[in-house]
């Protein structure tokens, strides 16, 4: 499904940071949960969404 640029801009404007996250924006969260430092963390939700869930 293709979305036109105007629709993308309108949707991005609803994100508090004003832009869509890219893979490099969310990757550090995944890396953290996969590393040894997070071995005692269970059942958590980390919203990496530019503030959309505030």
PDB file of N, CA and C in Angstrom:
ATOM      1  N   UNK A   1       0.840  -1.174   0.000  1.00  0.00           N
ATOM      2  CA  UNK A   1       0.000   0.000   0.000  1.00  0.00           C
ATOM      3  C   UNK A   1       0.890   1.244   0.000  1.00  0.00           C
ATOM      4  N   UNK A   2       0.621   2.120  -0.909  1.00  0.00           N
ATOM      5  CA  UNK A   2       1.401   3.344  -1.003  1.00  0.00           C
ATOM      6  C   UNK A   2       0.624   4.501  -0.380  1.00  0.00           C
ATOM      7  N   UNK A   3       1.334   5.335   0.365  1.00  0.00           N
ATOM      8  CA  UNK A   3       0.717   6.480   1.034  1.00  0.00           C
ATOM      9  C   UNK A   3       1.361   7.745   0.480  1.00  0.00           C
ATOM     10  N   UNK A   4       0.528   8.730   0.157  1.00  0.00           N
ATOM     11  CA  UNK A   4       1.089   9.955  -0.410  1.00  0.00           C
ATOM     12  C   UNK A   4       1.804  10.791   0.651  1.00  0.00           C
ATOM     13  N   UNK A   5       2.659  11.673   0.198  1.00  0.00           N
ATOM     14  CA  UNK A   5       3.503  12.484   1.080  1.00  0.00           C
ATOM     15  C   UNK A   5       2.680  13.337   2.036  1.00  0.00           C
ATOM     16  N   UNK A   6       1.579  13.877   1.577  1.00  0.00           N
ATOM     17  CA  UNK A   6       0.729  14.723   2.425  1.00  0.00           C
ATOM     18  C   UNK A   6       0.193  13.938   3.619  1.00  0.00           C
ATOM     19  N   UNK A   7      -0.238  12.712   3.378  1.00  0.00           N
ATOM     20  CA  UNK A   7      -0.751  11.867   4.458  1.00  0.00           C
ATOM     21  C   UNK A   7       0.354  11.545   5.453  1.00  0.00           C
ATOM     22  N   UNK A   8       1.540  11.232   4.961  1.00  0.00           N
ATOM     23  CA  UNK A   8       2.669  10.948   5.850  1.00  0.00           C
ATOM     24  C   UNK A   8       2.995  12.153   6.721  1.00  0.00           C
ATOM     25  N   UNK A   9       2.986  13.335   6.141  1.00  0.00           N
ATOM     26  CA  UNK A   9       3.284  14.548   6.901  1.00  0.00           C
ATOM     27  C   UNK A   9       2.225  14.815   7.963  1.00  0.00           C
ATOM     28  N   UNK A  10       0.954  14.577   7.630  1.00  0.00           N
ATOM     29  CA  UNK A  10      -0.127  14.769   8.603  1.00  0.00           C
ATOM     30  C   UNK A  10       0.016  13.799   9.768  1.00  0.00           C
ATOM     31  N   UNK A  11       0.333  12.564   9.467  1.00  0.00           N
ATOM     32  CA  UNK A  11       0.492  11.564  10.528  1.00  0.00           C
ATOM     33  C   UNK A  11       1.718  11.849  11.382  1.00  0.00           C
ATOM     34  N   UNK A  12       2.800  12.260  10.761  1.00  0.00           N
ATOM     35  CA  UNK A  12       4.016  12.585  11.506  1.00  0.00           C
ATOM     36  C   UNK A  12       3.781  13.780  12.422  1.00  0.00           C
ATOM     37  N   UNK A  13       2.931  14.697  12.010  1.00  0.00           N
ATOM     38  CA  UNK A  13       2.637  15.878  12.829  1.00  0.00           C
ATOM     39  C   UNK A  13       1.931  15.503  14.128  1.00  0.00           C
ATOM     40  N   UNK A  14       1.284  14.345  14.156  1.00  0.00           N
ATOM     41  CA  UNK A  14       0.599  13.881  15.375  1.00  0.00           C
ATOM     42  C   UNK A  14       1.554  13.245  16.381  1.00  0.00           C
ATOM     43  N   UNK A  15       2.753  12.916  15.940  1.00  0.00           N
ATOM     44  CA  UNK A  15       3.774  12.368  16.836  1.00  0.00           C
ATOM     45  C   UNK A  15       4.389  13.554  17.577  1.00  0.00           C
ATOM     46  N   UNK A  16       4.421  13.526  18.918  1.00  0.00           N
ATOM     47  CA  UNK A  16       4.951  14.671  19.657  1.00  0.00           C
ATOM     48  C   UNK A  16       6.327  15.158  19.195  1.00  0.00           C
ATOM     49  N   UNK A  17       7.201  14.257  18.790  1.00  0.00           N
ATOM     50  CA  UNK A  17       8.502  14.699  18.285  1.00  0.00           C
ATOM     51  C   UNK A  17       8.410  15.258  16.867  1.00  0.00           C
ATOM     52  N   UNK A  18       7.293  14.990  16.186  1.00  0.00           N
ATOM     53  CA  UNK A  18       7.066  15.559  14.860  1.00  0.00           C
ATOM     54  C   UNK A  18       7.633  14.779  13.696  1.00  0.00           C
ATOM     55  N   UNK A  19       8.127  13.571  13.940  1.00  0.00           N
ATOM     56  CA  UNK A  19       8.683  12.759  12.861  1.00  0.00           C
ATOM     57  C   UNK A  19       8.583  11.282  13.221  1.00  0.00           C
ATOM     58  N   UNK A  20       8.606  10.450  12.188  1.00  0.00           N
ATOM     59  CA  UNK A  20       8.561   9.007  12.390  1.00  0.00           C
ATOM     60  C   UNK A  20       9.949   8.500  12.755  1.00  0.00           C
ATOM     61  N   UNK A  21       9.987   7.570  13.688  1.00  0.00           N
ATOM     62  CA  UNK A  21      11.253   6.965  14.053  1.00  0.00           C
ATOM     63  C   UNK A  21      11.789   6.089  12.940  1.00  0.00           C
ATOM     64  N   UNK A  22      13.077   5.982  12.910  1.00  0.00           N
ATOM     65  CA  UNK A  22      13.772   5.145  11.940  1.00  0.00           C
ATOM     66  C   UNK A  22      14.347   3.938  12.681  1.00  0.00           C
ATOM     67  N   UNK A  23      14.754   2.907  11.957  1.00  0.00           N
ATOM     68  CA  UNK A  23      15.313   1.730  12.627  1.00  0.00           C
ATOM     69  C   UNK A  23      16.429   2.067  13.614  1.00  0.00           C
ATOM     70  N   UNK A  24      17.264   3.033  13.272  1.00  0.00           N
ATOM     71  CA  UNK A  24      18.355   3.386  14.180  1.00  0.00           C
ATOM     72  C   UNK A  24      17.857   4.086  15.447  1.00  0.00           C
ATOM     73  N   UNK A  25      16.614   4.544  15.446  1.00  0.00           N
ATOM     74  CA  UNK A  25      16.031   5.156  16.639  1.00  0.00           C
ATOM     75  C   UNK A  25      15.524   4.107  17.629  1.00  0.00           C
ATOM     76  N   UNK A  26      15.048   2.994  17.116  1.00  0.00           N
ATOM     77  CA  UNK A  26      14.494   1.962  17.991  1.00  0.00           C
ATOM     78  C   UNK A  26      15.483   0.842  18.306  1.00  0.00           C
ATOM     79  N   UNK A  27      16.504   0.686  17.489  1.00  0.00           N
ATOM     80  CA  UNK A  27      17.472  -0.400  17.682  1.00  0.00           C
ATOM     81  C   UNK A  27      18.137  -0.387  19.053  1.00  0.00           C
ATOM     82  N   UNK A  28      18.530   0.767  19.606  1.00  0.00           N
ATOM     83  CA  UNK A  28      19.176   0.743  20.924  1.00  0.00           C
ATOM     84  C   UNK A  28      18.307   0.126  22.022  1.00  0.00           C
ATOM     85  N   UNK A  29      17.000   0.295  21.937  1.00  0.00           N
ATOM     86  CA  UNK A  29      16.119  -0.313  22.936  1.00  0.00           C
ATOM     87  C   UNK A  29      16.172  -1.835  22.834  1.00  0.00           C
ATOM     88  N   UNK A  30      16.151  -2.353  21.621  1.00  0.00           N
ATOM     89  CA  UNK A  30      16.234  -3.798  21.435  1.00  0.00           C
ATOM     90  C   UNK A  30      17.581  -4.328  21.908  1.00  0.00           C
ATOM     91  N   UNK A  31      18.634  -3.613  21.590  1.00  0.00           N
ATOM     92  CA  UNK A  31      19.974  -4.034  22.012  1.00  0.00           C
ATOM     93  C   UNK A  31      20.054  -4.071  23.530  1.00  0.00           C
ATOM     94  N   UNK A  32      19.504  -3.052  24.193  1.00  0.00           N
ATOM     95  CA  UNK A  32      19.535  -3.028  25.653  1.00  0.00           C
ATOM     96  C   UNK A  32      18.827  -4.246  26.237  1.00  0.00           C
ATOM     97  N   UNK A  33      17.603  -4.533  25.778  1.00  0.00           N
ATOM     98  CA  UNK A  33      16.869  -5.668  26.332  1.00  0.00           C
ATOM     99  C   UNK A  33      17.552  -6.999  26.035  1.00  0.00           C
ATOM    100  N   UNK A  34      18.366  -7.047  25.003  1.00  0.00           N
ATOM    101  CA  UNK A  34      19.069  -8.283  24.653  1.00  0.00           C
ATOM    102  C   UNK A  34      20.410  -8.430  25.374  1.00  0.00           C
ATOM    103  N   UNK A  35      20.880  -7.375  26.021  1.00  0.00           N
ATOM    104  CA  UNK A  35      22.204  -7.442  26.640  1.00  0.00           C
ATOM    105  C   UNK A  35      22.138  -7.977  28.075  1.00  0.00           C
ATOM    106  N   UNK A  36      23.292  -8.332  28.585  1.00  0.00           N
ATOM    107  CA  UNK A  36      23.397  -8.898  29.931  1.00  0.00           C
ATOM    108  C   UNK A  36      22.904  -7.929  31.006  1.00  0.00           C
ATOM    109  N   UNK A  37      23.065  -6.629  30.794  1.00  0.00           N
ATOM    110  CA  UNK A  37      22.632  -5.639  31.783  1.00  0.00           C
ATOM    111  C   UNK A  37      21.123  -5.670  32.035  1.00  0.00           C
ATOM    112  N   UNK A  38      20.373  -6.259  31.110  1.00  0.00           N
ATOM    113  CA  UNK A  38      18.919  -6.311  31.249  1.00  0.00           C
ATOM    114  C   UNK A  38      18.427  -7.696  31.664  1.00  0.00           C
ATOM    115  N   UNK A  39      19.319  -8.546  32.162  1.00  0.00           N
ATOM    116  CA  UNK A  39      18.943  -9.938  32.430  1.00  0.00           C
ATOM    117  C   UNK A  39      17.944 -10.110  33.567  1.00  0.00           C
ATOM    118  N   UNK A  40      17.695  -9.086  34.371  1.00  0.00           N
ATOM    119  CA  UNK A  40      16.734  -9.206  35.467  1.00  0.00           C
ATOM    120  C   UNK A  40      15.439  -8.450  35.168  1.00  0.00           C
ATOM    121  N   UNK A  41      15.330  -7.919  33.982  1.00  0.00           N
ATOM    122  CA  UNK A  41      14.130  -7.187  33.576  1.00  0.00           C
ATOM    123  C   UNK A  41      13.169  -8.166  32.916  1.00  0.00           C
ATOM    124  N   UNK A  42      11.929  -8.169  33.407  1.00  0.00           N
ATOM    125  CA  UNK A  42      10.910  -9.045  32.831  1.00  0.00           C
ATOM    126  C   UNK A  42       9.599  -8.289  32.681  1.00  0.00           C
ATOM    127  N   UNK A  43       8.846  -8.631  31.672  1.00  0.00           N
ATOM    128  CA  UNK A  43       7.493  -8.119  31.503  1.00  0.00           C
ATOM    129  C   UNK A  43       7.350  -6.614  31.380  1.00  0.00           C
ATOM    130  N   UNK A  44       8.320  -5.951  30.817  1.00  0.00           N
ATOM    131  CA  UNK A  44       8.256  -4.497  30.684  1.00  0.00           C
ATOM    132  C   UNK A  44       7.886  -4.096  29.265  1.00  0.00           C
ATOM    133  N   UNK A  45       7.264  -2.946  29.162  1.00  0.00           N
ATOM    134  CA  UNK A  45       6.977  -2.357  27.864  1.00  0.00           C
ATOM    135  C   UNK A  45       7.730  -1.036  27.794  1.00  0.00           C
ATOM    136  N   UNK A  46       8.559  -0.898  26.812  1.00  0.00           N
ATOM    137  CA  UNK A  46       9.287   0.341  26.586  1.00  0.00           C
ATOM    138  C   UNK A  46       8.750   0.932  25.288  1.00  0.00           C
ATOM    139  N   UNK A  47       8.009   2.006  25.402  1.00  0.00           N
ATOM    140  CA  UNK A  47       7.412   2.638  24.221  1.00  0.00           C
ATOM    141  C   UNK A  47       8.456   3.509  23.536  1.00  0.00           C
ATOM    142  N   UNK A  48       8.946   3.046  22.422  1.00  0.00           N
ATOM    143  CA  UNK A  48       9.910   3.805  21.627  1.00  0.00           C
ATOM    144  C   UNK A  48       9.118   4.342  20.437  1.00  0.00           C
ATOM    145  N   UNK A  49       8.367   5.420  20.712  1.00  0.00           N
ATOM    146  CA  UNK A  49       7.388   5.894  19.731  1.00  0.00           C
ATOM    147  C   UNK A  49       7.334   7.411  19.573  1.00  0.00           C
ATOM    148  N   UNK A  50       8.376   8.094  19.972  1.00  0.00           N
ATOM    149  CA  UNK A  50       8.415   9.540  19.805  1.00  0.00           C
ATOM    150  C   UNK A  50       7.445  10.294  20.683  1.00  0.00           C
ATOM    151  N   UNK A  51       6.944   9.638  21.718  1.00  0.00           N
ATOM    152  CA  UNK A  51       6.028  10.290  22.648  1.00  0.00           C
ATOM    153  C   UNK A  51       4.558  10.079  22.335  1.00  0.00           C
ATOM    154  N   UNK A  52       4.240   9.221  21.378  1.00  0.00           N
ATOM    155  CA  UNK A  52       2.843   9.016  20.978  1.00  0.00           C
ATOM    156  C   UNK A  52       1.965   8.445  22.077  1.00  0.00           C
ATOM    157  N   UNK A  53       2.548   7.730  23.022  1.00  0.00           N
ATOM    158  CA  UNK A  53       1.731   7.117  24.073  1.00  0.00           C
ATOM    159  C   UNK A  53       1.650   7.962  25.334  1.00  0.00           C
ATOM    160  N   UNK A  54       2.117   9.187  25.301  1.00  0.00           N
ATOM    161  CA  UNK A  54       2.036  10.058  26.475  1.00  0.00           C
ATOM    162  C   UNK A  54       0.618  10.470  26.744  1.00  0.00           C
TER     163      UNK A  54
END
